[in-house]
PDB file of N, CA and C in Angstrom:
ATOM      1  N   MET A   1       8.780 -13.186   5.905  1.00  0.00           N
ATOM      2  CA  MET A   1       9.304 -14.506   4.673  1.00  0.00           C
ATOM      3  C   MET A   1      10.678 -14.037   3.972  1.00  0.00           C
ATOM      4  N   SER A   2      11.307 -14.547   3.747  1.00  0.00           N
ATOM      5  CA  SER A   2      12.798 -14.085   3.168  1.00  0.00           C
ATOM      6  C   SER A   2      12.580 -14.083   1.465  1.00  0.00           C
ATOM      7  N   ILE A   3      12.973 -13.119   1.084  1.00  0.00           N
ATOM      8  CA  ILE A   3      12.330 -13.180  -0.621  1.00  0.00           C
ATOM      9  C   ILE A   3      13.549 -13.918  -1.398  1.00  0.00           C
ATOM     10  N   LEU A   4      15.066 -13.700  -0.942  1.00  0.00           N
ATOM     11  CA  LEU A   4      15.714 -14.425  -1.336  1.00  0.00           C
ATOM     12  C   LEU A   4      16.316 -15.631  -0.668  1.00  0.00           C
ATOM     13  N   ILE A   5      16.534 -16.978  -1.233  1.00  0.00           N
ATOM     14  CA  ILE A   5      16.693 -17.888  -0.703  1.00  0.00           C
ATOM     15  C   ILE A   5      18.141 -18.387  -0.378  1.00  0.00           C
ATOM     16  N   LYS A   6      18.523 -18.567  -1.698  1.00  0.00           N
ATOM     17  CA  LYS A   6      19.820 -18.919  -1.833  1.00  0.00           C
ATOM     18  C   LYS A   6      20.707 -18.600  -3.270  1.00  0.00           C
ATOM     19  N   PRO A   7      21.795 -18.023  -3.430  1.00  0.00           N
ATOM     20  CA  PRO A   7      22.158 -18.017  -4.805  1.00  0.00           C
ATOM     21  C   PRO A   7      22.398 -19.208  -5.536  1.00  0.00           C
ATOM     22  N   ILE A   8      22.647 -19.102  -6.883  1.00  0.00           N
ATOM     23  CA  ILE A   8      22.709 -20.426  -7.646  1.00  0.00           C
ATOM     24  C   ILE A   8      24.072 -20.228  -8.049  1.00  0.00           C
ATOM     25  N   ILE A   9      25.201 -21.129  -7.677  1.00  0.00           N
ATOM     26  CA  ILE A   9      26.269 -21.056  -8.125  1.00  0.00           C
ATOM     27  C   ILE A   9      26.373 -22.110  -8.939  1.00  0.00           C
ATOM     28  N   THR A  10      26.495 -22.074 -10.520  1.00  0.00           N
ATOM     29  CA  THR A  10      27.137 -23.098 -11.195  1.00  0.00           C
ATOM     30  C   THR A  10      28.072 -22.698 -12.019  1.00  0.00           C
ATOM     31  N   GLU A  11      28.151 -23.546 -13.046  1.00  0.00           N
ATOM     32  CA  GLU A  11      29.057 -23.282 -14.137  1.00  0.00           C
ATOM     33  C   GLU A  11      28.692 -22.275 -15.228  1.00  0.00           C
ATOM     34  N   LYS A  12      27.723 -22.057 -15.482  1.00  0.00           N
ATOM     35  CA  LYS A  12      26.699 -21.229 -16.162  1.00  0.00           C
ATOM     36  C   LYS A  12      26.768 -20.129 -15.468  1.00  0.00           C
ATOM     37  N   ALA A  13      26.094 -20.084 -14.144  1.00  0.00           N
ATOM     38  CA  ALA A  13      25.595 -19.067 -13.465  1.00  0.00           C
ATOM     39  C   ALA A  13      26.830 -18.112 -13.247  1.00  0.00           C
ATOM     40  N   THR A  14      27.843 -18.694 -12.984  1.00  0.00           N
ATOM     41  CA  THR A  14      29.597 -17.978 -12.863  1.00  0.00           C
ATOM     42  C   THR A  14      29.903 -17.233 -14.372  1.00  0.00           C
ATOM     43  N   ALA A  15      29.809 -17.633 -15.022  1.00  0.00           N
ATOM     44  CA  ALA A  15      30.441 -17.356 -16.524  1.00  0.00           C
ATOM     45  C   ALA A  15      29.322 -16.174 -16.600  1.00  0.00           C
ATOM     46  N   ASP A  16      28.188 -16.222 -16.353  1.00  0.00           N
ATOM     47  CA  ASP A  16      27.287 -14.972 -16.709  1.00  0.00           C
ATOM     48  C   ASP A  16      27.661 -13.979 -15.648  1.00  0.00           C
ATOM     49  N   SER A  17      27.690 -14.154 -14.465  1.00  0.00           N
ATOM     50  CA  SER A  17      27.924 -13.292 -13.672  1.00  0.00           C
ATOM     51  C   SER A  17      29.500 -12.816 -14.064  1.00  0.00           C
ATOM     52  N   GLU A  18      30.493 -12.926 -14.325  1.00  0.00           N
ATOM     53  CA  GLU A  18      31.803 -12.705 -15.073  1.00  0.00           C
ATOM     54  C   GLU A  18      31.844 -11.818 -16.046  1.00  0.00           C
ATOM     55  N   LEU A  19      30.749 -12.619 -17.404  1.00  0.00           N
ATOM     56  CA  LEU A  19      31.149 -11.573 -18.757  1.00  0.00           C
ATOM     57  C   LEU A  19      29.530 -10.171 -18.723  1.00  0.00           C
ATOM     58  N   ASN A  20      28.518 -10.677 -18.076  1.00  0.00           N
ATOM     59  CA  ASN A  20      27.300  -9.938 -17.982  1.00  0.00           C
ATOM     60  C   ASN A  20      26.820  -8.872 -16.828  1.00  0.00           C
ATOM     61  N   ASN A  21      27.558  -9.580 -16.014  1.00  0.00           N
ATOM     62  CA  ASN A  21      27.358  -8.431 -14.585  1.00  0.00           C
ATOM     63  C   ASN A  21      25.804  -9.087 -13.990  1.00  0.00           C
ATOM     64  N   ARG A  22      25.266 -10.296 -14.581  1.00  0.00           N
ATOM     65  CA  ARG A  22      23.878 -10.839 -14.195  1.00  0.00           C
ATOM     66  C   ARG A  22      24.103 -11.955 -13.086  1.00  0.00           C
ATOM     67  N   PHE A  23      23.450 -12.180 -11.732  1.00  0.00           N
ATOM     68  CA  PHE A  23      23.489 -12.895 -11.457  1.00  0.00           C
ATOM     69  C   PHE A  23      22.286 -14.001 -10.675  1.00  0.00           C
ATOM     70  N   ALA A  24      22.156 -14.908 -10.417  1.00  0.00           N
ATOM     71  CA  ALA A  24      21.084 -16.127 -10.590  1.00  0.00           C
ATOM     72  C   ALA A  24      20.734 -16.204  -8.970  1.00  0.00           C
ATOM     73  N   PHE A  25      19.561 -16.278  -8.629  1.00  0.00           N
ATOM     74  CA  PHE A  25      19.239 -16.473  -7.149  1.00  0.00           C
ATOM     75  C   PHE A  25      18.135 -17.578  -7.399  1.00  0.00           C
ATOM     76  N   VAL A  26      18.000 -18.147  -6.380  1.00  0.00           N
ATOM     77  CA  VAL A  26      16.611 -18.689  -6.413  1.00  0.00           C
ATOM     78  C   VAL A  26      15.512 -17.796  -5.043  1.00  0.00           C
ATOM     79  N   VAL A  27      14.768 -17.522  -5.663  1.00  0.00           N
ATOM     80  CA  VAL A  27      13.797 -16.392  -4.584  1.00  0.00           C
ATOM     81  C   VAL A  27      12.436 -17.559  -4.431  1.00  0.00           C
ATOM     82  N   SER A  28      11.907 -16.734  -3.344  1.00  0.00           N
ATOM     83  CA  SER A  28      10.502 -17.139  -3.042  1.00  0.00           C
ATOM     84  C   SER A  28       9.314 -16.957  -4.152  1.00  0.00           C
ATOM     85  N   ASN A  29       8.608 -17.985  -4.190  1.00  0.00           N
ATOM     86  CA  ASN A  29       7.766 -18.559  -4.951  1.00  0.00           C
ATOM     87  C   ASN A  29       6.887 -17.137  -5.502  1.00  0.00           C
ATOM     88  N   ARG A  30       6.142 -16.608  -4.392  1.00  0.00           N
ATOM     89  CA  ARG A  30       5.404 -15.301  -4.528  1.00  0.00           C
ATOM     90  C   ARG A  30       5.750 -14.470  -4.498  1.00  0.00           C
ATOM     91  N   ALA A  31       7.406 -13.852  -4.704  1.00  0.00           N
ATOM     92  CA  ALA A  31       7.955 -13.225  -4.866  1.00  0.00           C
ATOM     93  C   ALA A  31       7.909 -12.566  -6.229  1.00  0.00           C
ATOM     94  N   ASN A  32       7.923 -10.964  -6.405  1.00  0.00           N
ATOM     95  CA  ASN A  32       7.620 -10.142  -7.795  1.00  0.00           C
ATOM     96  C   ASN A  32       9.009  -9.745  -7.761  1.00  0.00           C
ATOM     97  N   LYS A  33       8.860  -9.101  -9.442  1.00  0.00           N
ATOM     98  CA  LYS A  33      10.409  -8.637  -9.393  1.00  0.00           C
ATOM     99  C   LYS A  33      10.798  -6.803  -8.757  1.00  0.00           C
ATOM    100  N   ILE A  34       9.828  -6.592  -8.480  1.00  0.00           N
ATOM    101  CA  ILE A  34      10.280  -5.099  -7.511  1.00  0.00           C
ATOM    102  C   ILE A  34      10.708  -5.579  -5.709  1.00  0.00           C
ATOM    103  N   GLU A  35       9.771  -6.842  -5.583  1.00  0.00           N
ATOM    104  CA  GLU A  35      10.413  -6.939  -4.391  1.00  0.00           C
ATOM    105  C   GLU A  35      11.995  -7.734  -3.956  1.00  0.00           C
ATOM    106  N   ILE A  36      12.091  -8.784  -5.630  1.00  0.00           N
ATOM    107  CA  ILE A  36      13.239  -8.863  -5.759  1.00  0.00           C
ATOM    108  C   ILE A  36      14.554  -8.189  -5.742  1.00  0.00           C
ATOM    109  N   LYS A  37      13.964  -6.983  -6.733  1.00  0.00           N
ATOM    110  CA  LYS A  37      14.970  -6.025  -6.456  1.00  0.00           C
ATOM    111  C   LYS A  37      15.321  -5.281  -5.389  1.00  0.00           C
ATOM    112  N   ASP A  38      14.051  -4.944  -4.313  1.00  0.00           N
ATOM    113  CA  ASP A  38      14.568  -4.222  -3.191  1.00  0.00           C
ATOM    114  C   ASP A  38      15.376  -5.062  -2.450  1.00  0.00           C
ATOM    115  N   ALA A  39      15.154  -6.532  -2.634  1.00  0.00           N
ATOM    116  CA  ALA A  39      15.934  -7.505  -1.427  1.00  0.00           C
ATOM    117  C   ALA A  39      17.537  -7.874  -1.845  1.00  0.00           C
ATOM    118  N   VAL A  40      17.599  -7.807  -3.506  1.00  0.00           N
ATOM    119  CA  VAL A  40      19.016  -7.670  -3.612  1.00  0.00           C
ATOM    120  C   VAL A  40      19.874  -6.425  -3.151  1.00  0.00           C
ATOM    121  N   GLU A  41      19.093  -5.142  -3.390  1.00  0.00           N
ATOM    122  CA  GLU A  41      19.685  -4.150  -3.397  1.00  0.00           C
ATOM    123  C   GLU A  41      20.108  -3.857  -1.618  1.00  0.00           C
ATOM    124  N   SER A  42      19.534  -4.210  -0.873  1.00  0.00           N
ATOM    125  CA  SER A  42      19.509  -4.399   0.707  1.00  0.00           C
ATOM    126  C   SER A  42      19.866  -4.734   0.965  1.00  0.00           C
ATOM    127  N   ALA A  43      20.503  -6.401   0.455  1.00  0.00           N
ATOM    128  CA  ALA A  43      21.027  -7.292   1.157  1.00  0.00           C
ATOM    129  C   ALA A  43      22.547  -7.045   0.890  1.00  0.00           C
ATOM    130  N   TYR A  44      22.831  -6.726  -0.783  1.00  0.00           N
ATOM    131  CA  TYR A  44      24.173  -6.713  -0.816  1.00  0.00           C
ATOM    132  C   TYR A  44      24.579  -5.068  -1.560  1.00  0.00           C
ATOM    133  N   GLY A  45      23.989  -4.305  -0.901  1.00  0.00           N
ATOM    134  CA  GLY A  45      24.358  -3.136  -1.256  1.00  0.00           C
ATOM    135  C   GLY A  45      24.770  -2.564  -2.757  1.00  0.00           C
ATOM    136  N   VAL A  46      23.925  -2.926  -3.965  1.00  0.00           N
ATOM    137  CA  VAL A  46      24.487  -2.789  -5.283  1.00  0.00           C
ATOM    138  C   VAL A  46      22.992  -2.276  -5.860  1.00  0.00           C
ATOM    139  N   SER A  47      23.204  -1.421  -7.031  1.00  0.00           N
ATOM    140  CA  SER A  47      22.160  -1.427  -7.674  1.00  0.00           C
ATOM    141  C   SER A  47      21.749  -1.919  -8.748  1.00  0.00           C
ATOM    142  N   VAL A  48      20.593  -2.287  -8.675  1.00  0.00           N
ATOM    143  CA  VAL A  48      19.963  -3.580  -9.700  1.00  0.00           C
ATOM    144  C   VAL A  48      19.234  -2.797 -10.928  1.00  0.00           C
ATOM    145  N   THR A  49      19.762  -3.021 -12.178  1.00  0.00           N
ATOM    146  CA  THR A  49      19.208  -2.329 -13.369  1.00  0.00           C
ATOM    147  C   THR A  49      18.242  -2.853 -13.956  1.00  0.00           C
ATOM    148  N   LYS A  50      18.206  -4.711 -14.009  1.00  0.00           N
ATOM    149  CA  LYS A  50      17.024  -5.200 -14.386  1.00  0.00           C
ATOM    150  C   LYS A  50      16.803  -6.780 -13.760  1.00  0.00           C
ATOM    151  N   VAL A  51      15.638  -7.423 -13.371  1.00  0.00           N
ATOM    152  CA  VAL A  51      15.439  -8.469 -12.822  1.00  0.00           C
ATOM    153  C   VAL A  51      14.689  -9.043 -14.210  1.00  0.00           C
ATOM    154  N   ARG A  52      15.002 -10.575 -14.167  1.00  0.00           N
ATOM    155  CA  ARG A  52      13.949 -11.530 -14.818  1.00  0.00           C
ATOM    156  C   ARG A  52      14.036 -13.010 -13.924  1.00  0.00           C
ATOM    157  N   THR A  53      12.864 -13.365 -14.013  1.00  0.00           N
ATOM    158  CA  THR A  53      12.307 -14.399 -13.048  1.00  0.00           C
ATOM    159  C   THR A  53      11.827 -15.369 -14.316  1.00  0.00           C
ATOM    160  N   ILE A  54      11.987 -16.812 -13.988  1.00  0.00           N
ATOM    161  CA  ILE A  54      11.569 -17.796 -14.599  1.00  0.00           C
ATOM    162  C   ILE A  54      11.187 -19.153 -13.125  1.00  0.00           C
ATOM    163  N   ASN A  55      10.131 -19.574 -13.309  1.00  0.00           N
ATOM    164  CA  ASN A  55       9.236 -20.267 -12.486  1.00  0.00           C
ATOM    165  C   ASN A  55       9.455 -21.557 -13.427  1.00  0.00           C
ATOM    166  N   VAL A  56      10.917 -22.164 -12.528  1.00  0.00           N
ATOM    167  CA  VAL A  56      11.475 -23.917 -13.148  1.00  0.00           C
ATOM    168  C   VAL A  56       9.998 -24.975 -12.817  1.00  0.00           C
ATOM    169  N   ARG A  57       9.582 -25.912 -13.707  1.00  0.00           N
ATOM    170  CA  ARG A  57       8.869 -26.943 -13.482  1.00  0.00           C
ATOM    171  C   ARG A  57       9.788 -27.926 -12.671  1.00  0.00           C
ATOM    172  N   PRO A  58       8.909 -28.615 -11.817  1.00  0.00           N
ATOM    173  CA  PRO A  58       9.649 -30.196 -11.065  1.00  0.00           C
ATOM    174  C   PRO A  58       9.787 -30.871 -12.275  1.00  0.00           C
ATOM    175  N   ASP A  59      11.307 -31.730 -12.080  1.00  0.00           N
ATOM    176  CA  ASP A  59      11.553 -33.131 -12.900  1.00  0.00           C
ATOM    177  C   ASP A  59      11.063 -34.480 -12.316  1.00  0.00           C
ATOM    178  N   ARG A  60      10.438 -34.848 -13.501  1.00  0.00           N
ATOM    179  CA  ARG A  60       9.751 -36.470 -13.065  1.00  0.00           C
ATOM    180  C   ARG A  60      10.974 -37.402 -13.052  1.00  0.00           C
ATOM    181  N   LYS A  61      10.891 -38.203 -12.313  1.00  0.00           N
ATOM    182  CA  LYS A  61      11.902 -39.073 -11.806  1.00  0.00           C
ATOM    183  C   LYS A  61      11.075 -40.205 -11.663  1.00  0.00           C
ATOM    184  N   SER A  62      11.678 -41.708 -12.348  1.00  0.00           N
ATOM    185  CA  SER A  62      11.176 -42.842 -11.851  1.00  0.00           C
ATOM    186  C   SER A  62      12.651 -43.879 -11.863  1.00  0.00           C
ATOM    187  N   ARG A  63      12.676 -44.838 -10.677  1.00  0.00           N
ATOM    188  CA  ARG A  63      13.219 -45.990 -10.853  1.00  0.00           C
ATOM    189  C   ARG A  63      12.673 -47.259 -10.862  1.00  0.00           C
ATOM    190  N   TYR A  64      13.351 -48.446 -11.152  1.00  0.00           N
ATOM    191  CA  TYR A  64      12.817 -49.353 -10.780  1.00  0.00           C
ATOM    192  C   TYR A  64      13.362 -50.470  -9.730  1.00  0.00           C
ATOM    193  N   THR A  65      11.949 -50.691  -9.050  1.00  0.00           N
ATOM    194  CA  THR A  65      12.921 -51.341  -7.731  1.00  0.00           C
ATOM    195  C   THR A  65      12.106 -52.926  -8.115  1.00  0.00           C
ATOM    196  N   LYS A  66      12.336 -53.680  -6.734  1.00  0.00           N
ATOM    197  CA  LYS A  66      11.532 -54.959  -6.588  1.00  0.00           C
ATOM    198  C   LYS A  66      10.387 -55.029  -6.799  1.00  0.00           C
ATOM    199  N   THR A  67       9.487 -54.046  -5.952  1.00  0.00           N
ATOM    200  CA  THR A  67       8.355 -53.964  -5.719  1.00  0.00           C
ATOM    201  C   THR A  67       7.638 -53.211  -6.895  1.00  0.00           C
ATOM    202  N   GLY A  68       8.325 -52.557  -8.226  1.00  0.00           N
ATOM    203  CA  GLY A  68       8.131 -51.897  -8.946  1.00  0.00           C
ATOM    204  C   GLY A  68       8.392 -50.518  -9.313  1.00  0.00           C
ATOM    205  N   VAL A  69       7.685 -49.772 -10.179  1.00  0.00           N
ATOM    206  CA  VAL A  69       8.334 -48.706 -10.468  1.00  0.00           C
ATOM    207  C   VAL A  69       7.480 -47.664  -9.691  1.00  0.00           C
ATOM    208  N   VAL A  70       8.871 -46.972  -9.159  1.00  0.00           N
ATOM    209  CA  VAL A  70       8.376 -45.992  -8.172  1.00  0.00           C
ATOM    210  C   VAL A  70       8.345 -44.474  -8.828  1.00  0.00           C
ATOM    211  N   THR A  71       7.873 -43.709  -8.814  1.00  0.00           N
ATOM    212  CA  THR A  71       7.872 -42.341  -9.356  1.00  0.00           C
ATOM    213  C   THR A  71       7.550 -41.353  -8.364  1.00  0.00           C
ATOM    214  N   GLY A  72       8.285 -39.922  -8.771  1.00  0.00           N
ATOM    215  CA  GLY A  72       7.998 -38.891  -8.022  1.00  0.00           C
ATOM    216  C   GLY A  72       8.583 -37.908  -8.703  1.00  0.00           C
ATOM    217  N   LYS A  73       8.670 -36.563  -8.116  1.00  0.00           N
ATOM    218  CA  LYS A  73       9.248 -35.286  -8.877  1.00  0.00           C
ATOM    219  C   LYS A  73       9.949 -34.324  -7.647  1.00  0.00           C
ATOM    220  N   THR A  74      10.693 -33.665  -8.310  1.00  0.00           N
ATOM    221  CA  THR A  74      11.554 -32.777  -7.743  1.00  0.00           C
ATOM    222  C   THR A  74      10.599 -31.295  -7.056  1.00  0.00           C
ATOM    223  N   SER A  75      11.102 -30.851  -6.601  1.00  0.00           N
ATOM    224  CA  SER A  75      10.369 -29.418  -6.063  1.00  0.00           C
ATOM    225  C   SER A  75      10.378 -28.627  -7.086  1.00  0.00           C
ATOM    226  N   ALA A  76       9.055 -27.433  -7.332  1.00  0.00           N
ATOM    227  CA  ALA A  76       9.386 -26.422  -8.462  1.00  0.00           C
ATOM    228  C   ALA A  76       9.986 -25.679  -7.520  1.00  0.00           C
ATOM    229  N   TYR A  77      10.741 -24.106  -8.221  1.00  0.00           N
ATOM    230  CA  TYR A  77      11.304 -23.230  -8.119  1.00  0.00           C
ATOM    231  C   TYR A  77      11.014 -21.963  -8.536  1.00  0.00           C
ATOM    232  N   LYS A  78      11.267 -20.534  -8.254  1.00  0.00           N
ATOM    233  CA  LYS A  78      11.375 -19.604  -8.774  1.00  0.00           C
ATOM    234  C   LYS A  78      12.777 -19.434  -9.109  1.00  0.00           C
ATOM    235  N   LYS A  79      13.374 -19.131 -10.119  1.00  0.00           N
ATOM    236  CA  LYS A  79      14.494 -18.373 -10.366  1.00  0.00           C
ATOM    237  C   LYS A  79      14.976 -16.831 -11.203  1.00  0.00           C
ATOM    238  N   ALA A  80      15.497 -16.091 -10.336  1.00  0.00           N
ATOM    239  CA  ALA A  80      15.909 -14.904 -10.649  1.00  0.00           C
ATOM    240  C   ALA A  80      17.184 -14.769 -11.113  1.00  0.00           C
ATOM    241  N   LEU A  81      17.054 -13.997 -12.372  1.00  0.00           N
ATOM    242  CA  LEU A  81      18.600 -13.141 -12.740  1.00  0.00           C
ATOM    243  C   LEU A  81      18.144 -12.164 -12.660  1.00  0.00           C
ATOM    244  N   VAL A  82      19.422 -11.354 -11.806  1.00  0.00           N
ATOM    245  CA  VAL A  82      19.544  -9.690 -11.502  1.00  0.00           C
ATOM    246  C   VAL A  82      20.610  -9.453 -12.289  1.00  0.00           C
ATOM    247  N   GLN A  83      20.382  -8.217 -13.043  1.00  0.00           N
ATOM    248  CA  GLN A  83      21.563  -7.737 -14.199  1.00  0.00           C
ATOM    249  C   GLN A  83      22.059  -6.331 -12.820  1.00  0.00           C
ATOM    250  N   VAL A  84      23.074  -6.085 -12.414  1.00  0.00           N
ATOM    251  CA  VAL A  84      23.679  -5.001 -11.351  1.00  0.00           C
ATOM    252  C   VAL A  84      24.222  -4.428 -12.527  1.00  0.00           C
ATOM    253  N   ALA A  85      24.356  -2.677 -11.857  1.00  0.00           N
ATOM    254  CA  ALA A  85      24.759  -1.622 -13.014  1.00  0.00           C
ATOM    255  C   ALA A  85      26.352  -1.871 -13.107  1.00  0.00           C
ATOM    256  N   GLU A  86      26.920  -1.337 -13.941  1.00  0.00           N
ATOM    257  CA  GLU A  86      28.147  -1.509 -14.854  1.00  0.00           C
ATOM    258  C   GLU A  86      28.930  -1.057 -13.443  1.00  0.00           C
ATOM    259  N   GLY A  87      29.790  -1.601 -13.439  1.00  0.00           N
ATOM    260  CA  GLY A  87      31.333  -1.421 -12.589  1.00  0.00           C
ATOM    261  C   GLY A  87      31.022  -1.721 -11.070  1.00  0.00           C
ATOM    262  N   GLU A  88      29.778  -2.536 -10.392  1.00  0.00           N
ATOM    263  CA  GLU A  88      29.381  -3.112  -9.496  1.00  0.00           C
ATOM    264  C   GLU A  88      29.441  -4.380  -9.377  1.00  0.00           C
ATOM    265  N   THR A  89      29.302  -5.484  -8.160  1.00  0.00           N
ATOM    266  CA  THR A  89      29.659  -6.509  -8.429  1.00  0.00           C
ATOM    267  C   THR A  89      29.247  -7.303  -7.027  1.00  0.00           C
ATOM    268  N   ILE A  90      28.679  -8.685  -7.198  1.00  0.00           N
ATOM    269  CA  ILE A  90      28.129  -9.139  -5.608  1.00  0.00           C
ATOM    270  C   ILE A  90      29.095 -10.431  -5.280  1.00  0.00           C
ATOM    271  N   ASP A  91      30.009 -10.709  -4.329  1.00  0.00           N
ATOM    272  CA  ASP A  91      30.651 -11.624  -3.789  1.00  0.00           C
ATOM    273  C   ASP A  91      29.563 -12.627  -3.142  1.00  0.00           C
ATOM    274  N   LEU A  92      29.599 -13.653  -4.087  1.00  0.00           N
ATOM    275  CA  LEU A  92      28.573 -14.507  -3.432  1.00  0.00           C
ATOM    276  C   LEU A  92      29.390 -15.628  -2.657  1.00  0.00           C
ATOM    277  N   TYR A  93      30.890 -15.634  -2.797  1.00  0.00           N
ATOM    278  CA  TYR A  93      31.569 -16.439  -2.062  1.00  0.00           C
ATOM    279  C   TYR A  93      31.917 -16.222  -0.860  1.00  0.00           C
ATOM    280  N   SER A  94      31.618 -14.912  -0.380  1.00  0.00           N
ATOM    281  CA  SER A  94      32.042 -14.646   0.696  1.00  0.00           C
ATOM    282  C   SER A  94      31.315 -15.088   1.898  1.00  0.00           C
ATOM    283  N   ASN A  95      29.978 -15.625   2.252  1.00  0.00           N
ATOM    284  CA  ASN A  95      29.653 -16.711   3.061  1.00  0.00           C
ATOM    285  C   ASN A  95      30.160 -18.021   2.995  1.00  0.00           C
ATOM    286  N   LEU A  96      30.428 -18.477   2.023  1.00  0.00           N
ATOM    287  CA  LEU A  96      31.058 -19.973   2.086  1.00  0.00           C
ATOM    288  C   LEU A  96      32.042 -20.638   3.179  1.00  0.00           C
TER     289      LEU A  96
END
């Protein structure tokens, strides 16, 4: 089972990585902070100082069709904010 699923590359996450040296990842729902720290350190070769995790709830969505209202929801996921040591960085754009 892979701990790191994908990095989050948004305007807010990119600004946070440039200003605060903090990177965002979508991780496995069952991963804890220690496993996330070890996975980032082994995958990117950096030293991690702090890990914060967020369980993101699903968004409920509905749309109106000819047959009535169709409701659904997006998938829930876990997000990790990883603080990297001062002077180190992660190149997220190398695999694009």
